[in-house]
Amino acid sequence: MKTFILALSEPTTFLCLAAIFVILFATIAQTLKEMSFFQKKTAVVVALCVSLLCIIGLYQSFFTIDKTHEVVHQDDKIWILPFLLLPYTALALAILLLLLLLFAVRMFRGKRLIKHLRKTGHQISKPGGNKSNETTLIRK
């Protein structure tokens, strides 16, 4: 059973990191596209590099066994790579936590808004055809 779990852990880890990479890339690319000094191609390249560094930092922080404390006495420069990846790891965690928080706020605020509208007697219906791009229309 233990070998089965270990055999499934690597593809699962890869899929999770790939999904996180897509989320980070989309968020960072959208942010860079809104800046005036980045052109479209430059923003994509920078977003790709930053997202890769974020994924490498997350992988080293959470998925590898840290053996640097044993090697520090042999080589004093072993700490440089984790030190350089620290800001990217913090960026990835901040983006992911903020997106999770925004998702939770939207879910709870939306439910509270619908409950309030039903309580006050408003009718909530889905849009159809060419009416609107909004997800719900509120009619009195």
Protein backbone atom coordinates (compact mmCIF):
# COMPACT_ATOMS: atom_id res chain seq x y z
CA MET A 1 0.00 0.00 0.00
CA LYS A 2 2.83 2.35 0.84
CA THR A 3 4.45 1.80 -2.57
CA PHE A 4 1.11 2.44 -4.27
CA ILE A 5 0.71 5.75 -2.45
CA LEU A 6 4.28 6.75 -3.25
CA ALA A 7 3.76 5.80 -6.91
CA LEU A 8 0.70 8.07 -7.10
CA SER A 9 2.29 10.94 -5.19
CA GLU A 10 4.66 12.06 -7.95
CA PRO A 11 2.04 12.43 -10.73
CA THR A 12 -0.35 14.04 -8.27
CA THR A 13 2.33 16.49 -7.16
CA PHE A 14 3.12 17.26 -10.79
CA LEU A 15 -0.55 17.90 -11.61
CA CYS A 16 -0.98 20.13 -8.56
CA LEU A 17 2.13 22.13 -9.42
CA ALA A 18 0.99 22.42 -13.04
CA ALA A 19 -2.39 23.79 -11.92
CA ILE A 20 -0.67 26.24 -9.55
CA PHE A 21 1.65 27.27 -12.39
CA VAL A 22 -1.30 28.06 -14.66
CA ILE A 23 -2.99 30.11 -11.92
CA LEU A 24 0.21 32.03 -11.15
CA PHE A 25 1.03 32.57 -14.82
CA ALA A 26 -2.43 33.93 -15.61
CA THR A 27 -2.40 36.26 -12.59
CA ILE A 28 1.13 37.55 -13.16
CA ALA A 29 0.66 37.93 -16.93
CA GLN A 30 -2.55 39.92 -16.45
CA THR A 31 -0.83 42.16 -13.91
CA LEU A 32 2.15 42.77 -16.19
CA LYS A 33 -0.07 43.48 -19.21
CA GLU A 34 -1.68 46.33 -17.31
CA MET A 35 1.70 47.98 -16.71
CA SER A 36 2.60 50.50 -19.36
CA PHE A 37 6.31 49.69 -19.69
CA PHE A 38 5.79 45.99 -20.60
CA GLN A 39 4.83 45.08 -24.13
CA LYS A 40 2.71 42.00 -24.79
CA LYS A 41 5.57 39.60 -25.60
CA THR A 42 7.79 40.94 -22.84
CA ALA A 43 5.01 40.55 -20.29
CA VAL A 44 4.49 36.91 -21.29
CA VAL A 45 8.22 36.11 -21.02
CA VAL A 46 8.55 37.82 -17.64
CA ALA A 47 5.39 36.13 -16.38
CA LEU A 48 6.70 32.76 -17.55
CA CYS A 49 10.05 33.25 -15.78
CA VAL A 50 8.50 34.54 -12.57
CA SER A 51 5.95 31.71 -12.52
CA LEU A 52 8.68 29.11 -13.02
CA LEU A 53 10.73 30.61 -10.20
CA CYS A 54 7.63 30.60 -7.99
CA ILE A 55 7.00 26.92 -8.73
CA ILE A 56 10.65 26.01 -8.09
CA GLY A 57 10.53 27.90 -4.79
CA LEU A 58 7.28 26.21 -3.73
CA TYR A 59 8.63 22.79 -4.68
CA GLN A 60 11.84 23.29 -2.73
CA SER A 61 9.99 24.69 0.28
CA PHE A 62 7.21 22.13 0.57
CA PHE A 63 8.08 18.98 -1.36
CA THR A 64 11.78 18.30 -0.83
CA ILE A 65 13.55 17.10 2.28
CA ASP A 66 15.82 19.82 3.57
CA LYS A 67 19.33 18.46 4.04
CA THR A 68 21.09 21.81 3.91
CA HIS A 69 21.76 21.84 7.65
CA GLU A 70 24.06 18.83 7.21
CA VAL A 71 25.97 20.31 4.28
CA VAL A 72 26.40 23.88 5.52
CA HIS A 73 29.72 23.13 7.15
CA GLN A 74 31.12 21.68 3.92
CA ASP A 75 30.01 24.43 1.56
CA ASP A 76 29.13 27.92 2.76
CA LYS A 77 27.28 28.83 -0.48
CA ILE A 78 24.57 26.14 -0.26
CA TRP A 79 22.09 28.68 1.18
CA ILE A 80 22.17 31.03 -1.83
CA LEU A 81 19.54 29.29 -4.00
CA PRO A 82 16.85 29.03 -1.28
CA PHE A 83 17.63 32.61 -0.31
CA LEU A 84 17.14 33.81 -3.89
CA LEU A 85 13.91 31.82 -4.29
CA LEU A 86 12.41 33.12 -1.04
CA PRO A 87 10.74 36.23 -2.56
CA TYR A 88 9.23 34.15 -5.37
CA THR A 89 7.93 31.61 -2.88
CA ALA A 90 6.38 34.42 -0.83
CA LEU A 91 4.87 35.91 -4.01
CA ALA A 92 3.33 32.57 -4.98
CA LEU A 93 1.89 32.03 -1.50
CA ALA A 94 0.52 35.58 -1.37
CA ILE A 95 -1.16 35.27 -4.78
CA LEU A 96 -2.66 31.86 -4.00
CA LEU A 97 -3.91 32.90 -0.56
CA LEU A 98 -5.42 36.14 -1.88
CA LEU A 99 -7.18 34.30 -4.70
CA LEU A 100 -8.53 31.79 -2.20
CA LEU A 101 -9.70 34.62 0.07
CA LEU A 102 -11.38 36.44 -2.84
CA PHE A 103 -13.12 33.23 -3.89
CA ALA A 104 -14.42 32.68 -0.35
CA VAL A 105 -15.60 36.28 -0.02
CA ARG A 106 -17.45 36.10 -3.33
CA MET A 107 -19.17 32.89 -2.37
CA PHE A 108 -20.34 34.14 1.02
CA ARG A 109 -21.19 37.66 -0.16
CA GLY A 110 -23.17 36.31 -3.09
CA LYS A 111 -25.21 34.01 -0.85
CA ARG A 112 -25.84 36.81 1.60
CA LEU A 113 -26.90 39.16 -1.22
CA ILE A 114 -29.33 36.63 -2.68
CA LYS A 115 -30.77 35.93 0.77
CA HIS A 116 -31.21 39.67 1.39
CA LEU A 117 -32.87 40.20 -2.01
CA ARG A 118 -35.31 37.36 -1.47
CA LYS A 119 -36.12 38.70 1.98
CA THR A 120 -36.94 42.15 0.57
CA GLY A 121 -39.17 40.72 -2.17
CA HIS A 122 -36.96 41.07 -5.23
CA GLN A 123 -37.09 38.49 -8.00
CA ILE A 124 -33.78 37.02 -9.18
CA SER A 125 -33.60 35.53 -12.66
CA LYS A 126 -30.91 34.32 -15.04
CA PRO A 127 -30.22 36.47 -18.10
CA GLY A 128 -31.19 35.12 -21.49
CA GLY A 129 -30.31 36.07 -25.05
CA ASN A 130 -28.78 39.50 -25.57
CA LYS A 131 -29.90 41.07 -22.30
CA SER A 132 -26.68 41.27 -20.29
CA ASN A 133 -23.33 39.68 -19.52
CA GLU A 134 -24.05 39.64 -15.80
CA THR A 135 -24.75 36.35 -14.09
CA THR A 136 -28.00 37.50 -12.48
CA LEU A 137 -30.53 40.22 -13.14
CA ILE A 138 -32.48 41.72 -10.30
CA ARG A 139 -36.02 42.80 -11.04
CA LYS A 140 -38.53 44.41 -8.76
